[in-house]
Amino acid sequence: MLNEALKLIRVFHELSQKDLSVRLGISKSYISEIEAGKKNPTMDVLEKYSSEFDIPVSSILFFSENLYKNPRTESLRSFASSKILSMLKLVQPKDE
């Protein structure tokens, strides 16, 4: 769920993957692979997110762990997050 948490942080701040890659000093393709769940971010990358968005690494990890934590609300959260991500894909610039 870390991939989804990082994507939600980026989208919340209204940044494209390209803009974020410039700010973090990493490639857009690496950000894309992280957000797609194809690669895991390194601690160095998490520290860059932490510094850029002024969010402690521990909070990023806590947020990612709790996206689907509660079994009573897991299906609702899963449904809602999938719908939100689907909607974000519709408004996402085509260069991503």
Protein backbone atom coordinates (compact mmCIF):
# COMPACT_ATOMS: atom_id res chain seq x y z
CA MET A 1 0.00 0.00 0.00
CA LEU A 2 3.05 2.28 0.16
CA ASN A 3 2.76 2.80 -3.59
CA GLU A 4 -0.81 4.08 -3.22
CA ALA A 5 0.10 6.31 -0.28
CA LEU A 6 2.91 7.95 -2.25
CA LYS A 7 0.63 8.48 -5.24
CA LEU A 8 -2.07 10.01 -3.03
CA ILE A 9 0.50 12.38 -1.50
CA ARG A 10 1.63 13.46 -4.98
CA VAL A 11 -1.90 13.92 -6.27
CA PHE A 12 -2.98 15.79 -3.12
CA HIS A 13 -0.22 18.31 -3.85
CA GLU A 14 -1.38 18.55 -7.48
CA LEU A 15 1.92 17.43 -8.96
CA SER A 16 2.46 15.40 -12.09
CA GLN A 17 4.95 12.56 -11.98
CA LYS A 18 7.26 14.70 -14.10
CA ASP A 19 7.07 17.66 -11.71
CA LEU A 20 7.68 15.39 -8.72
CA SER A 21 10.63 13.72 -10.43
CA VAL A 22 12.28 17.13 -10.87
CA ARG A 23 11.63 18.09 -7.25
CA LEU A 24 12.94 14.80 -5.87
CA GLY A 25 15.80 14.40 -8.33
CA ILE A 26 14.71 10.94 -9.48
CA SER A 27 13.41 9.74 -12.83
CA LYS A 28 9.77 9.96 -13.80
CA SER A 29 9.85 6.31 -14.83
CA TYR A 30 11.01 5.32 -11.33
CA ILE A 31 8.13 7.26 -9.77
CA SER A 32 5.75 5.59 -12.22
CA GLU A 33 7.07 2.14 -11.30
CA ILE A 34 6.78 2.89 -7.57
CA GLU A 35 3.21 4.14 -7.92
CA ALA A 36 2.27 1.11 -10.03
CA GLY A 37 3.68 -1.19 -7.35
CA LYS A 38 6.35 -2.57 -9.68
CA LYS A 39 9.22 -1.28 -7.52
CA ASN A 40 9.58 -0.48 -3.85
CA PRO A 41 10.97 2.91 -2.85
CA THR A 42 14.29 3.00 -1.08
CA MET A 43 14.73 4.75 2.27
CA ASP A 44 16.55 7.49 0.36
CA VAL A 45 13.46 8.06 -1.80
CA LEU A 46 11.17 8.04 1.25
CA GLU A 47 13.43 10.64 2.88
CA LYS A 48 13.14 12.79 -0.25
CA TYR A 49 9.33 12.60 -0.05
CA SER A 50 9.58 13.41 3.66
CA SER A 51 11.72 16.47 3.01
CA GLU A 52 9.72 17.71 0.02
CA PHE A 53 6.30 17.43 1.67
CA ASP A 54 7.40 18.03 5.28
CA ILE A 55 5.97 14.69 6.39
CA PRO A 56 8.04 12.40 8.64
CA VAL A 57 8.93 9.07 7.04
CA SER A 58 7.23 7.36 9.95
CA SER A 59 3.97 9.18 9.11
CA ILE A 60 4.21 8.15 5.47
CA LEU A 61 4.66 4.52 6.54
CA PHE A 62 1.86 4.77 9.10
CA PHE A 63 -0.46 6.27 6.48
CA SER A 64 0.36 3.51 4.00
CA GLU A 65 -0.18 0.76 6.58
CA ASN A 66 -3.53 2.17 7.62
CA LEU A 67 -5.07 2.61 4.20
CA TYR A 68 -6.65 -0.85 4.55
CA LYS A 69 -6.01 -1.73 8.20
CA ASN A 70 -9.48 -2.04 9.75
CA PRO A 71 -11.18 -5.27 8.57
CA ARG A 72 -14.63 -3.74 9.14
CA THR A 73 -13.91 -0.90 6.73
CA GLU A 74 -11.36 -2.60 4.50
CA SER A 75 -13.79 -3.39 1.70
CA LEU A 76 -15.24 0.13 1.81
CA ARG A 77 -11.79 1.71 1.78
CA SER A 78 -10.66 -0.60 -0.99
CA PHE A 79 -13.74 0.26 -3.04
CA ALA A 80 -13.40 4.00 -2.38
CA SER A 81 -9.67 4.11 -3.07
CA SER A 82 -10.08 2.15 -6.32
CA LYS A 83 -12.77 4.62 -7.44
CA ILE A 84 -10.63 7.61 -6.45
CA LEU A 85 -7.62 6.22 -8.30
CA SER A 86 -9.83 5.52 -11.35
CA MET A 87 -11.08 9.10 -11.30
CA LEU A 88 -7.52 10.41 -10.93
CA LYS A 89 -6.50 8.43 -14.01
CA LEU A 90 -9.22 10.22 -15.98
CA VAL A 91 -7.90 13.66 -15.06
CA GLN A 92 -4.23 12.70 -15.07
CA PRO A 93 -2.22 14.33 -17.87
CA LYS A 94 -1.58 11.98 -20.77
CA ASP A 95 2.23 12.29 -20.45
CA GLU A 96 2.25 10.15 -17.30
